[in-house]
Amino acid sequence: MKPFQKIKFGSTELVLNKEEAARISKDTKEVFGLYRKQVNGECDLFVERHNVATMLEEIVEELRKHPNVFRQGLGKLRCTIHVSDILFANSLYQLLDYYPGSQGKGRIKSIRFGIIGKAWRSRKSITQGEIPTDTEDLIVNWGMTRGEATIAGVSKQSFSCVVLRDENTVPVGIFYMDAEEKNAFAVNTMTKEELHKLVTDKCEEKGLTEILAKLNEELRGRAPLIRIYD
């Protein structure tokens, strides 16, 4: 039996061959590329208009002044903000480059991936002082592929994701931190819960949480929110 090469739906006919597959793939990438460029541009404009990057920097520097937030002599620290993506449903969008300075804004992760996905799905803040070394644990509990699990923890060991909520307790973003050292956050007498509260309070004081709620309200209604998986 020869494999079928056409599927017909009423008056619509879909041809299945390598050439058609390549054309559809190219067209789809171009369409989504245009959508993504527009979404990124809208987010960048919002960030610039509301000085969101400056807010993040000020919050991080205030956290540095607290003796129990970061481990003494902490090396490379990275902080950023993740929000719900407005192009793809069930995805998180990195709103800012990492502070202190390294690139990263505009990246997309599934809400099923890693610690940010775990925090978003559970709506609970998470601070982890050491990445598990068991590959199966990372696959089952952290939503990683086997390839991702193999390299997990090679450069980063400590992670903190603080879920920020609006006045109706709806999550509007994640305040994210990572570091190369183990147990880099909530040191000495500070508990993880105290760290989460401190970060939450700082974000509210600086107006960051309110701005993220505004971002969600302004842009989400104008975006397609494409659902890849049911």
Protein backbone atom coordinates (compact mmCIF):
# COMPACT_ATOMS: atom_id res chain seq x y z
CA MET A 1 0.00 0.00 0.00
CA LYS A 2 1.38 3.41 -1.00
CA PRO A 3 1.43 6.05 1.74
CA PHE A 4 -1.22 8.73 1.24
CA GLN A 5 0.04 12.15 0.14
CA LYS A 6 -3.12 14.22 0.29
CA ILE A 7 -5.77 14.97 2.89
CA LYS A 8 -9.01 16.62 1.80
CA PHE A 9 -11.39 18.54 4.08
CA GLY A 10 -14.37 19.60 1.98
CA SER A 11 -12.95 22.04 -0.55
CA THR A 12 -9.57 22.26 1.23
CA GLU A 13 -6.77 19.95 0.17
CA LEU A 14 -3.51 19.49 2.07
CA VAL A 15 -0.63 17.97 0.15
CA LEU A 16 1.84 15.95 2.22
CA ASN A 17 5.35 15.93 0.79
CA LYS A 18 8.80 17.29 1.63
CA GLU A 19 8.43 20.40 -0.51
CA GLU A 20 5.07 21.33 1.01
CA ALA A 21 6.33 20.62 4.52
CA ALA A 22 9.31 22.91 3.96
CA ARG A 23 7.06 25.67 2.60
CA ILE A 24 4.62 25.43 5.50
CA SER A 25 7.49 25.41 8.00
CA LYS A 26 9.02 28.51 6.41
CA ASP A 27 5.70 30.37 6.27
CA THR A 28 4.85 29.46 9.86
CA LYS A 29 8.24 30.61 11.16
CA GLU A 30 7.86 33.92 9.32
CA VAL A 31 4.37 34.53 10.72
CA PHE A 32 5.33 33.67 14.30
CA GLY A 33 8.56 35.63 13.90
CA LEU A 34 6.57 38.75 13.01
CA TYR A 35 4.21 38.20 15.94
CA ARG A 36 7.12 37.68 18.32
CA LYS A 37 8.92 40.79 17.08
CA GLN A 38 5.78 42.85 17.65
CA VAL A 39 5.20 41.42 21.14
CA ASN A 40 8.83 41.98 22.16
CA GLY A 41 8.64 45.54 20.89
CA GLU A 42 5.46 46.23 22.87
CA CYS A 43 7.03 44.81 26.04
CA ASP A 44 10.28 46.76 25.56
CA LEU A 45 8.32 49.98 25.07
CA PHE A 46 6.32 49.33 28.24
CA VAL A 47 9.48 48.57 30.23
CA GLU A 48 11.15 51.77 29.04
CA ARG A 49 8.07 53.93 29.63
CA HIS A 50 7.68 52.72 33.22
CA ASN A 51 11.39 52.41 34.14
CA VAL A 52 10.98 48.75 35.06
CA ALA A 53 14.70 47.96 34.69
CA THR A 54 15.56 50.76 37.11
CA MET A 55 13.04 49.41 39.61
CA LEU A 56 14.68 45.98 39.46
CA GLU A 57 18.14 47.47 39.97
CA GLU A 58 17.02 49.50 42.98
CA ILE A 59 15.35 46.50 44.60
CA VAL A 60 18.44 44.30 44.12
CA GLU A 61 20.73 46.96 45.59
CA GLU A 62 18.45 47.34 48.61
CA LEU A 63 18.47 43.57 49.09
CA ARG A 64 22.29 43.65 49.04
CA LYS A 65 22.24 45.93 52.09
CA HIS A 66 20.43 43.30 54.16
CA PRO A 67 23.00 41.08 55.95
CA ASN A 68 21.03 37.85 55.58
CA VAL A 69 19.72 37.95 52.01
CA PHE A 70 22.90 36.95 50.16
CA ARG A 71 25.80 34.77 51.20
CA GLN A 72 28.90 36.80 52.13
CA GLY A 73 31.36 37.07 49.26
CA LEU A 74 28.71 36.01 46.76
CA GLY A 75 30.09 35.78 43.23
CA LYS A 76 28.03 36.22 40.10
CA LEU A 77 24.43 37.08 40.94
CA ARG A 78 21.70 37.36 38.29
CA CYS A 79 18.24 38.83 38.76
CA THR A 80 15.37 39.36 36.33
CA ILE A 81 11.60 39.37 35.98
CA HIS A 82 9.45 36.75 34.26
CA VAL A 83 5.83 37.40 33.28
CA SER A 84 3.12 35.42 31.55
CA ASP A 85 3.79 35.46 27.80
CA ILE A 86 1.17 37.32 25.77
CA LEU A 87 1.81 35.44 22.52
CA PHE A 88 1.75 31.81 23.64
CA ALA A 89 -0.49 30.48 26.40
CA ASN A 90 1.13 28.52 29.25
CA SER A 91 4.49 30.20 28.65
CA LEU A 92 6.67 32.62 30.60
CA TYR A 93 8.44 35.61 29.06
CA GLN A 94 11.69 37.09 30.38
CA LEU A 95 10.86 40.77 30.58
CA LEU A 96 14.34 42.16 31.35
CA ASP A 97 17.99 41.41 30.80
CA TYR A 98 19.67 39.99 33.88
CA TYR A 99 20.92 42.45 36.48
CA PRO A 100 23.80 42.83 37.06
CA GLY A 101 24.41 43.00 33.32
CA SER A 102 23.96 40.05 31.09
CA GLN A 103 21.53 39.48 28.25
CA GLY A 104 18.42 37.34 28.41
CA LYS A 105 15.29 39.42 27.83
CA GLY A 106 12.76 38.09 25.35
CA ARG A 107 13.38 34.41 26.11
CA ILE A 108 10.40 32.09 26.42
CA LYS A 109 9.99 29.09 28.72
CA SER A 110 7.07 26.70 29.15
CA ILE A 111 5.33 26.87 32.52
CA ARG A 112 6.23 23.19 32.76
CA PHE A 113 9.98 23.93 32.78
CA GLY A 114 12.31 24.24 35.74
CA ILE A 115 11.92 26.18 38.94
CA ILE A 116 10.17 29.17 37.32
CA GLY A 117 7.52 26.89 35.87
CA LYS A 118 7.13 25.05 39.17
CA ALA A 119 6.66 28.34 41.05
CA TRP A 120 4.19 29.67 38.48
CA ARG A 121 2.09 26.51 38.35
CA SER A 122 1.96 26.12 42.13
CA ARG A 123 1.61 29.88 42.73
CA LYS A 124 4.15 29.45 45.51
CA SER A 125 7.53 31.15 45.90
CA ILE A 126 10.48 28.74 45.85
CA THR A 127 14.11 29.12 46.95
CA GLN A 128 16.46 26.23 46.25
CA GLY A 129 20.01 26.18 47.60
CA GLU A 130 21.26 23.27 45.55
CA ILE A 131 20.20 21.67 42.27
CA PRO A 132 19.33 17.96 42.55
CA THR A 133 21.88 15.71 40.86
CA ASP A 134 19.45 12.90 40.07
CA THR A 135 18.55 13.06 36.37
CA GLU A 136 15.21 11.29 36.82
CA ASP A 137 14.21 13.72 39.58
CA LEU A 138 14.92 16.68 37.29
CA ILE A 139 12.90 15.09 34.48
CA VAL A 140 9.91 14.08 36.61
CA ASN A 141 9.73 16.97 39.10
CA TRP A 142 11.38 19.85 37.25
CA GLY A 143 9.93 19.35 33.77
CA MET A 144 13.33 19.03 32.07
CA THR A 145 14.27 16.95 29.07
CA ARG A 146 17.05 14.41 29.55
CA GLY A 147 19.49 16.72 27.77
CA GLU A 148 18.56 19.67 30.00
CA ALA A 149 18.77 17.52 33.12
CA THR A 150 22.26 16.34 32.19
CA ILE A 151 23.70 19.87 32.20
CA ALA A 152 21.54 21.28 35.03
CA GLY A 153 23.54 22.84 37.82
CA VAL A 154 26.76 23.02 35.81
CA SER A 155 26.98 26.81 36.21
CA LYS A 156 24.17 27.71 38.66
CA GLN A 157 23.34 26.10 42.00
CA SER A 158 21.13 28.54 43.93
CA PHE A 159 17.75 29.71 42.65
CA SER A 160 14.95 31.86 44.04
CA CYS A 161 11.58 32.56 42.43
CA VAL A 162 9.28 34.92 44.29
CA VAL A 163 5.74 34.98 42.90
CA LEU A 164 4.38 38.54 42.79
CA ARG A 165 0.60 39.01 43.05
CA ASP A 166 -1.82 41.85 42.35
CA GLU A 167 -4.41 43.15 44.81
CA ASN A 168 -6.66 40.21 43.91
CA THR A 169 -3.82 37.73 44.67
CA VAL A 170 -3.49 36.88 40.96
CA PRO A 171 0.16 36.16 39.97
CA VAL A 172 1.53 38.92 37.72
CA GLY A 173 5.21 37.99 37.61
CA ILE A 174 8.19 36.21 39.12
CA PHE A 175 11.15 37.96 40.75
CA TYR A 176 13.96 35.58 39.79
CA MET A 177 17.49 35.25 41.20
CA ASP A 178 20.26 32.71 40.64
CA ALA A 179 23.90 32.31 41.68
CA GLU A 180 26.78 29.93 41.05
CA GLU A 181 27.34 29.12 44.73
CA LYS A 182 25.26 26.67 46.74
CA ASN A 183 22.94 28.06 49.44
CA ALA A 184 23.50 31.64 48.28
CA PHE A 185 20.16 33.06 49.44
CA ALA A 186 18.46 33.40 52.86
CA VAL A 187 21.59 32.90 54.95
CA ASN A 188 22.39 33.01 58.67
CA THR A 189 19.11 33.33 60.59
CA MET A 190 16.87 34.26 57.65
CA THR A 191 14.32 31.66 56.54
CA LYS A 192 13.22 31.21 52.94
CA GLU A 193 9.77 32.46 53.89
CA GLU A 194 11.29 35.64 55.32
CA LEU A 195 13.27 36.15 52.12
CA HIS A 196 10.12 35.75 50.01
CA LYS A 197 8.26 38.28 52.16
CA LEU A 198 11.12 40.77 52.03
CA VAL A 199 11.32 40.58 48.23
CA THR A 200 7.54 40.85 47.94
CA ASP A 201 7.48 43.91 50.20
CA LYS A 202 10.31 45.61 48.29
CA CYS A 203 8.56 45.02 44.95
CA GLU A 204 5.34 46.49 46.31
CA GLU A 205 7.12 49.49 47.86
CA LYS A 206 8.89 50.33 44.60
CA GLY A 207 5.68 49.92 42.61
CA LEU A 208 7.03 47.02 40.55
CA THR A 209 4.16 44.67 41.36
CA GLU A 210 1.60 47.31 40.40
CA ILE A 211 3.41 47.97 37.10
CA LEU A 212 3.47 44.24 36.25
CA ALA A 213 -0.28 44.08 36.89
CA LYS A 214 -0.69 47.03 34.53
CA LEU A 215 1.43 45.28 31.89
CA ASN A 216 -0.79 42.23 32.13
CA GLU A 217 -3.93 44.36 31.83
CA GLU A 218 -2.73 46.57 28.96
CA LEU A 219 -1.06 44.06 26.66
CA ARG A 220 -2.79 40.76 27.33
CA GLY A 221 -6.09 41.84 25.78
CA ARG A 222 -4.34 42.78 22.52
CA ALA A 223 -2.42 39.53 22.07
CA PRO A 224 -3.45 36.28 20.37
CA LEU A 225 -2.48 33.94 23.27
CA ILE A 226 -1.94 31.00 20.93
CA ARG A 227 -2.56 27.69 22.66
CA ILE A 228 -0.08 25.10 21.39
CA TYR A 229 -1.33 22.35 23.70
CA ASP A 230 -4.86 21.76 24.96
